[in-house]
N, C-alpha and C. Protein backbone atom coordinates (compact mmCIF):
# COMPACT_ATOMS: atom_id res chain seq x y z
N MET A 1 92.83 86.76 -22.85
CA MET A 1 91.43 87.10 -22.93
C MET A 1 91.27 88.59 -22.60
N ASN A 2 90.59 89.30 -23.47
CA ASN A 2 90.30 90.72 -23.23
C ASN A 2 89.00 90.84 -22.45
N GLN A 3 89.00 91.75 -21.48
CA GLN A 3 87.81 91.99 -20.69
C GLN A 3 87.51 93.48 -20.71
N LEU A 4 86.27 93.83 -20.96
CA LEU A 4 85.84 95.23 -20.95
C LEU A 4 84.86 95.41 -19.80
N ILE A 5 85.17 96.32 -18.93
CA ILE A 5 84.29 96.64 -17.81
C ILE A 5 83.80 98.06 -18.01
N SER A 6 82.49 98.24 -18.03
CA SER A 6 81.91 99.55 -18.25
C SER A 6 80.95 99.87 -17.10
N LYS A 7 81.08 101.06 -16.55
CA LYS A 7 80.21 101.51 -15.45
C LYS A 7 79.62 102.86 -15.82
N LYS A 8 78.34 103.02 -15.54
CA LYS A 8 77.68 104.30 -15.74
C LYS A 8 76.84 104.59 -14.51
N ALA A 9 76.87 105.84 -14.06
CA ALA A 9 76.10 106.22 -12.89
C ALA A 9 75.86 107.71 -12.88
N LYS A 10 74.74 108.12 -12.31
CA LYS A 10 74.48 109.53 -12.06
C LYS A 10 75.03 109.83 -10.68
N VAL A 11 75.90 110.83 -10.62
CA VAL A 11 76.57 111.16 -9.35
C VAL A 11 76.49 112.66 -9.11
N SER A 12 76.84 113.06 -7.91
CA SER A 12 76.85 114.48 -7.56
C SER A 12 78.03 115.17 -8.24
N LYS A 13 77.95 116.48 -8.32
CA LYS A 13 79.04 117.26 -8.91
C LYS A 13 80.31 117.11 -8.08
N LEU A 14 80.17 117.08 -6.76
CA LEU A 14 81.34 116.90 -5.89
C LEU A 14 82.00 115.55 -6.19
N PHE A 15 81.22 114.50 -6.36
CA PHE A 15 81.74 113.17 -6.64
C PHE A 15 82.53 113.15 -7.95
N ILE A 16 81.97 113.73 -9.00
CA ILE A 16 82.63 113.68 -10.31
C ILE A 16 83.88 114.56 -10.34
N VAL A 17 83.88 115.65 -9.60
CA VAL A 17 85.08 116.49 -9.51
C VAL A 17 86.18 115.73 -8.77
N LYS A 18 85.82 115.05 -7.68
CA LYS A 18 86.81 114.25 -6.95
C LYS A 18 87.34 113.11 -7.82
N ALA A 19 86.48 112.51 -8.64
CA ALA A 19 86.92 111.43 -9.53
C ALA A 19 87.94 111.95 -10.55
N GLN A 20 87.70 113.15 -11.08
CA GLN A 20 88.65 113.75 -12.01
C GLN A 20 89.99 114.02 -11.32
N LEU A 21 89.93 114.54 -10.10
CA LEU A 21 91.14 114.80 -9.34
C LEU A 21 91.93 113.51 -9.09
N ARG A 22 91.21 112.47 -8.66
CA ARG A 22 91.87 111.18 -8.38
C ARG A 22 92.55 110.65 -9.64
N ALA A 23 91.84 110.67 -10.75
CA ALA A 23 92.40 110.16 -12.00
C ALA A 23 93.63 110.96 -12.40
N HIS A 24 93.54 112.28 -12.30
CA HIS A 24 94.67 113.13 -12.67
C HIS A 24 95.89 112.81 -11.80
N LEU A 25 95.67 112.73 -10.50
CA LEU A 25 96.80 112.47 -9.60
C LEU A 25 97.35 111.06 -9.78
N ASP A 26 96.49 110.07 -9.93
CA ASP A 26 96.97 108.70 -10.11
C ASP A 26 97.78 108.53 -11.38
N ILE A 27 97.39 109.23 -12.44
CA ILE A 27 98.06 109.08 -13.74
C ILE A 27 99.24 110.05 -13.88
N GLU A 28 99.03 111.31 -13.54
CA GLU A 28 100.05 112.34 -13.78
C GLU A 28 101.02 112.54 -12.61
N MET A 29 100.55 112.31 -11.40
CA MET A 29 101.36 112.57 -10.20
C MET A 29 101.22 111.42 -9.20
N PRO A 30 101.64 110.22 -9.56
CA PRO A 30 101.41 109.06 -8.69
C PRO A 30 102.11 109.13 -7.33
N ASN A 31 103.08 109.98 -7.18
CA ASN A 31 103.78 110.10 -5.90
C ASN A 31 103.05 111.00 -4.91
N VAL A 32 102.04 111.74 -5.37
CA VAL A 32 101.27 112.62 -4.48
C VAL A 32 100.15 111.80 -3.86
N LYS A 33 100.18 111.70 -2.54
CA LYS A 33 99.17 110.93 -1.80
C LYS A 33 98.33 111.89 -0.96
N LEU A 34 97.01 111.79 -1.12
CA LEU A 34 96.10 112.67 -0.37
C LEU A 34 95.07 111.84 0.36
N SER A 35 94.62 112.35 1.49
CA SER A 35 93.53 111.72 2.23
C SER A 35 92.19 112.08 1.58
N GLU A 36 91.14 111.42 2.01
CA GLU A 36 89.80 111.73 1.50
C GLU A 36 89.44 113.19 1.79
N LYS A 37 89.79 113.65 2.97
CA LYS A 37 89.51 115.04 3.36
C LYS A 37 90.25 116.01 2.45
N GLU A 38 91.49 115.68 2.10
CA GLU A 38 92.29 116.55 1.24
C GLU A 38 91.74 116.56 -0.19
N PHE A 39 91.27 115.40 -0.68
CA PHE A 39 90.60 115.37 -1.99
C PHE A 39 89.36 116.25 -1.98
N THR A 40 88.60 116.17 -0.91
CA THR A 40 87.39 116.98 -0.79
C THR A 40 87.74 118.46 -0.78
N CYS A 41 88.79 118.81 -0.09
CA CYS A 41 89.25 120.20 -0.04
C CYS A 41 89.58 120.70 -1.45
N LEU A 42 90.34 119.94 -2.20
CA LEU A 42 90.69 120.34 -3.57
C LEU A 42 89.47 120.38 -4.49
N ALA A 43 88.54 119.46 -4.25
CA ALA A 43 87.32 119.46 -5.06
C ALA A 43 86.52 120.75 -4.83
N TYR A 44 86.42 121.17 -3.58
CA TYR A 44 85.72 122.43 -3.29
C TYR A 44 86.45 123.62 -3.91
N LEU A 45 87.77 123.56 -3.94
CA LEU A 45 88.52 124.64 -4.58
C LEU A 45 88.22 124.68 -6.07
N ALA A 46 88.13 123.51 -6.70
CA ALA A 46 87.76 123.45 -8.12
C ALA A 46 86.35 123.98 -8.33
N LEU A 47 85.43 123.57 -7.47
CA LEU A 47 84.04 124.00 -7.59
C LEU A 47 83.86 125.49 -7.32
N TYR A 48 84.73 126.05 -6.51
CA TYR A 48 84.65 127.49 -6.23
C TYR A 48 84.77 128.27 -7.54
N GLY A 49 85.60 127.76 -8.45
CA GLY A 49 85.61 128.27 -9.82
C GLY A 49 86.45 129.49 -10.10
N GLU A 50 86.92 130.16 -9.09
CA GLU A 50 87.73 131.35 -9.32
C GLU A 50 88.71 131.50 -8.16
N PRO A 51 89.77 132.25 -8.38
CA PRO A 51 90.71 132.46 -7.28
C PRO A 51 90.01 133.03 -6.05
N VAL A 52 90.43 132.57 -4.89
CA VAL A 52 89.76 132.95 -3.64
C VAL A 52 90.83 133.21 -2.58
N LYS A 53 90.52 134.11 -1.66
CA LYS A 53 91.43 134.39 -0.55
C LYS A 53 91.52 133.14 0.33
N LEU A 54 92.71 132.84 0.79
CA LEU A 54 92.95 131.64 1.60
C LEU A 54 92.06 131.62 2.83
N SER A 55 91.97 132.72 3.55
CA SER A 55 91.16 132.76 4.77
C SER A 55 89.68 132.52 4.47
N GLU A 56 89.20 133.11 3.41
CA GLU A 56 87.79 132.93 3.01
C GLU A 56 87.51 131.47 2.68
N PHE A 57 88.43 130.85 1.94
CA PHE A 57 88.24 129.46 1.54
C PHE A 57 88.32 128.52 2.74
N CYS A 58 89.22 128.80 3.66
CA CYS A 58 89.35 127.98 4.87
C CYS A 58 88.05 128.01 5.68
N ASN A 59 87.44 129.18 5.77
CA ASN A 59 86.16 129.31 6.47
C ASN A 59 85.06 128.53 5.75
N LEU A 60 85.07 128.54 4.42
CA LEU A 60 84.10 127.78 3.64
C LEU A 60 84.24 126.29 3.94
N LEU A 61 85.47 125.80 4.03
CA LEU A 61 85.70 124.38 4.32
C LEU A 61 85.18 123.99 5.70
N VAL A 62 85.24 124.90 6.64
CA VAL A 62 84.66 124.65 7.97
C VAL A 62 83.13 124.63 7.86
N ASP A 63 82.57 125.58 7.12
CA ASP A 63 81.11 125.64 6.94
C ASP A 63 80.57 124.38 6.26
N GLU A 64 81.38 123.78 5.37
CA GLU A 64 80.97 122.57 4.65
C GLU A 64 81.34 121.29 5.40
N ASP A 65 81.83 121.43 6.63
CA ASP A 65 82.22 120.30 7.49
C ASP A 65 83.34 119.44 6.91
N VAL A 66 84.20 120.06 6.12
CA VAL A 66 85.37 119.35 5.61
C VAL A 66 86.45 119.34 6.69
N TYR A 67 86.66 120.49 7.31
CA TYR A 67 87.60 120.63 8.42
C TYR A 67 86.86 121.17 9.63
N GLN A 68 87.38 120.89 10.83
CA GLN A 68 86.74 121.36 12.05
C GLN A 68 87.08 122.80 12.36
N ASN A 69 88.24 123.26 11.88
CA ASN A 69 88.61 124.65 12.13
C ASN A 69 89.42 125.18 10.95
N PRO A 70 89.42 126.49 10.76
CA PRO A 70 90.12 127.08 9.61
C PRO A 70 91.62 126.82 9.62
N GLN A 71 92.22 126.69 10.79
CA GLN A 71 93.67 126.48 10.86
C GLN A 71 94.08 125.13 10.26
N SER A 72 93.28 124.11 10.46
CA SER A 72 93.58 122.79 9.87
C SER A 72 93.56 122.87 8.35
N ALA A 73 92.58 123.56 7.81
CA ALA A 73 92.50 123.74 6.36
C ALA A 73 93.69 124.56 5.87
N ARG A 74 94.01 125.62 6.58
CA ARG A 74 95.13 126.48 6.21
C ARG A 74 96.45 125.69 6.21
N ASN A 75 96.64 124.82 7.20
CA ASN A 75 97.86 124.02 7.27
C ASN A 75 98.03 123.15 6.02
N PHE A 76 96.94 122.48 5.62
CA PHE A 76 97.00 121.63 4.42
C PHE A 76 97.27 122.47 3.18
N LEU A 77 96.52 123.55 3.01
CA LEU A 77 96.67 124.37 1.80
C LEU A 77 98.03 125.05 1.74
N THR A 78 98.52 125.51 2.86
CA THR A 78 99.84 126.15 2.89
C THR A 78 100.93 125.14 2.53
N ALA A 79 100.79 123.91 3.02
CA ALA A 79 101.76 122.86 2.66
C ALA A 79 101.72 122.60 1.16
N LEU A 80 100.53 122.59 0.59
CA LEU A 80 100.42 122.38 -0.86
C LEU A 80 101.02 123.53 -1.66
N LEU A 81 100.85 124.75 -1.15
CA LEU A 81 101.42 125.91 -1.83
C LEU A 81 102.94 125.83 -1.89
N GLY A 82 103.54 125.21 -0.88
CA GLY A 82 104.99 125.09 -0.85
C GLY A 82 105.51 123.83 -1.52
N ALA A 83 104.62 122.93 -1.90
CA ALA A 83 105.03 121.65 -2.49
C ALA A 83 105.45 121.82 -3.95
N THR A 84 106.28 120.92 -4.40
CA THR A 84 106.74 120.97 -5.78
C THR A 84 105.67 120.51 -6.76
N SER A 85 104.63 119.85 -6.28
CA SER A 85 103.58 119.35 -7.17
C SER A 85 102.78 120.47 -7.82
N GLN A 86 102.71 121.63 -7.18
CA GLN A 86 101.97 122.78 -7.67
C GLN A 86 100.51 122.45 -7.99
N LEU A 87 99.86 121.71 -7.10
CA LEU A 87 98.44 121.42 -7.26
C LEU A 87 97.60 122.69 -7.13
N ILE A 88 98.04 123.57 -6.25
CA ILE A 88 97.39 124.87 -6.13
C ILE A 88 98.45 125.94 -6.25
N VAL A 89 98.01 127.10 -6.70
CA VAL A 89 98.93 128.24 -6.87
C VAL A 89 98.32 129.47 -6.22
N ARG A 90 99.19 130.42 -5.88
CA ARG A 90 98.73 131.69 -5.29
C ARG A 90 99.17 132.82 -6.21
N ASP A 91 98.24 133.68 -6.55
CA ASP A 91 98.57 134.85 -7.35
C ASP A 91 99.38 135.81 -6.49
N PRO A 92 100.58 136.21 -6.94
CA PRO A 92 101.42 137.07 -6.10
C PRO A 92 100.84 138.45 -5.85
N GLU A 93 100.00 138.93 -6.75
CA GLU A 93 99.42 140.27 -6.57
C GLU A 93 98.20 140.26 -5.65
N THR A 94 97.25 139.36 -5.94
CA THR A 94 96.00 139.34 -5.16
C THR A 94 96.08 138.44 -3.94
N LYS A 95 97.09 137.57 -3.90
CA LYS A 95 97.27 136.59 -2.82
C LYS A 95 96.15 135.55 -2.79
N LYS A 96 95.40 135.43 -3.88
CA LYS A 96 94.31 134.46 -3.94
C LYS A 96 94.84 133.13 -4.46
N ILE A 97 94.23 132.02 -3.98
CA ILE A 97 94.65 130.70 -4.40
C ILE A 97 93.68 130.12 -5.42
N SER A 98 94.18 129.20 -6.25
CA SER A 98 93.33 128.50 -7.21
C SER A 98 93.94 127.14 -7.51
N LEU A 99 93.11 126.24 -7.99
CA LEU A 99 93.56 124.91 -8.37
C LEU A 99 94.33 125.00 -9.67
N ASN A 100 95.41 124.26 -9.78
CA ASN A 100 96.29 124.32 -10.95
C ASN A 100 96.16 123.06 -11.81
N ILE A 101 94.98 122.46 -11.83
CA ILE A 101 94.70 121.25 -12.60
C ILE A 101 93.43 121.51 -13.41
N PRO A 102 93.41 121.16 -14.69
CA PRO A 102 92.18 121.35 -15.47
C PRO A 102 91.10 120.35 -15.04
N ILE A 103 90.02 120.87 -14.46
CA ILE A 103 88.92 120.05 -13.97
C ILE A 103 87.61 120.65 -14.48
N ALA A 104 86.75 119.82 -15.06
CA ALA A 104 85.43 120.28 -15.51
C ALA A 104 84.52 120.41 -14.30
N THR A 105 83.88 121.58 -14.17
CA THR A 105 82.99 121.81 -13.03
C THR A 105 81.65 122.42 -13.42
N GLU A 106 81.49 122.82 -14.66
CA GLU A 106 80.28 123.53 -15.07
C GLU A 106 79.42 122.67 -15.99
N GLY A 107 78.11 122.88 -15.92
CA GLY A 107 77.18 122.22 -16.82
C GLY A 107 77.11 120.71 -16.59
N ARG A 108 76.69 120.02 -17.62
CA ARG A 108 76.61 118.56 -17.56
C ARG A 108 78.00 117.99 -17.80
N ILE A 109 78.49 117.22 -16.88
CA ILE A 109 79.85 116.69 -16.96
C ILE A 109 79.78 115.19 -17.23
N VAL A 110 80.42 114.77 -18.29
CA VAL A 110 80.58 113.34 -18.58
C VAL A 110 82.07 113.06 -18.48
N PHE A 111 82.45 112.26 -17.53
CA PHE A 111 83.85 111.94 -17.31
C PHE A 111 84.11 110.55 -17.86
N ASN A 112 84.81 110.49 -18.97
CA ASN A 112 85.08 109.23 -19.66
C ASN A 112 86.56 108.92 -19.52
N LEU A 113 86.88 107.84 -18.86
CA LEU A 113 88.26 107.45 -18.61
C LEU A 113 88.46 106.04 -19.15
N THR A 114 89.43 105.85 -20.00
CA THR A 114 89.75 104.53 -20.53
C THR A 114 91.13 104.14 -20.04
N LEU A 115 91.19 103.02 -19.36
CA LEU A 115 92.46 102.49 -18.87
C LEU A 115 92.72 101.16 -19.54
N ILE A 116 93.95 100.92 -19.96
CA ILE A 116 94.29 99.66 -20.61
C ILE A 116 95.45 99.04 -19.87
N CYS A 117 95.28 97.84 -19.40
CA CYS A 117 96.34 97.10 -18.72
C CYS A 117 97.09 96.28 -19.78
N THR A 118 98.39 96.49 -19.87
CA THR A 118 99.18 95.79 -20.89
C THR A 118 100.07 94.71 -20.33
N ASP A 119 100.19 94.63 -18.99
CA ASP A 119 101.03 93.56 -18.44
C ASP A 119 100.21 92.32 -18.13
N GLY A 120 100.88 91.24 -17.88
CA GLY A 120 100.19 89.97 -17.67
C GLY A 120 99.76 89.70 -16.24
N ILE A 121 100.02 90.64 -15.33
CA ILE A 121 99.69 90.38 -13.93
C ILE A 121 98.32 90.89 -13.61
């Protein structure tokens, strides 16, 4: 028996950016596991829209109540910079960081994801 489940909802830009990140990581990088706070951090980096200095971005994350202090944000981002997943990258000349995943952040965003289960379980 085939079953089709369809959901539609109006959501915040932060929500839809996090949904895109989750889908990308679940499908393309299933071994990368992130906490809710870490997803939020990456979503803000995507929403920032342009390369940003690490210290400036860490302060923004504190201002947005994602992290309690800039050092906690820096620890997570620095670990990601050294990871093989390359979720974020740093420009060697400007030392600015940016998200290395294509994520829609501008205008009206419609995120359409189709998943098909082919096994019997």
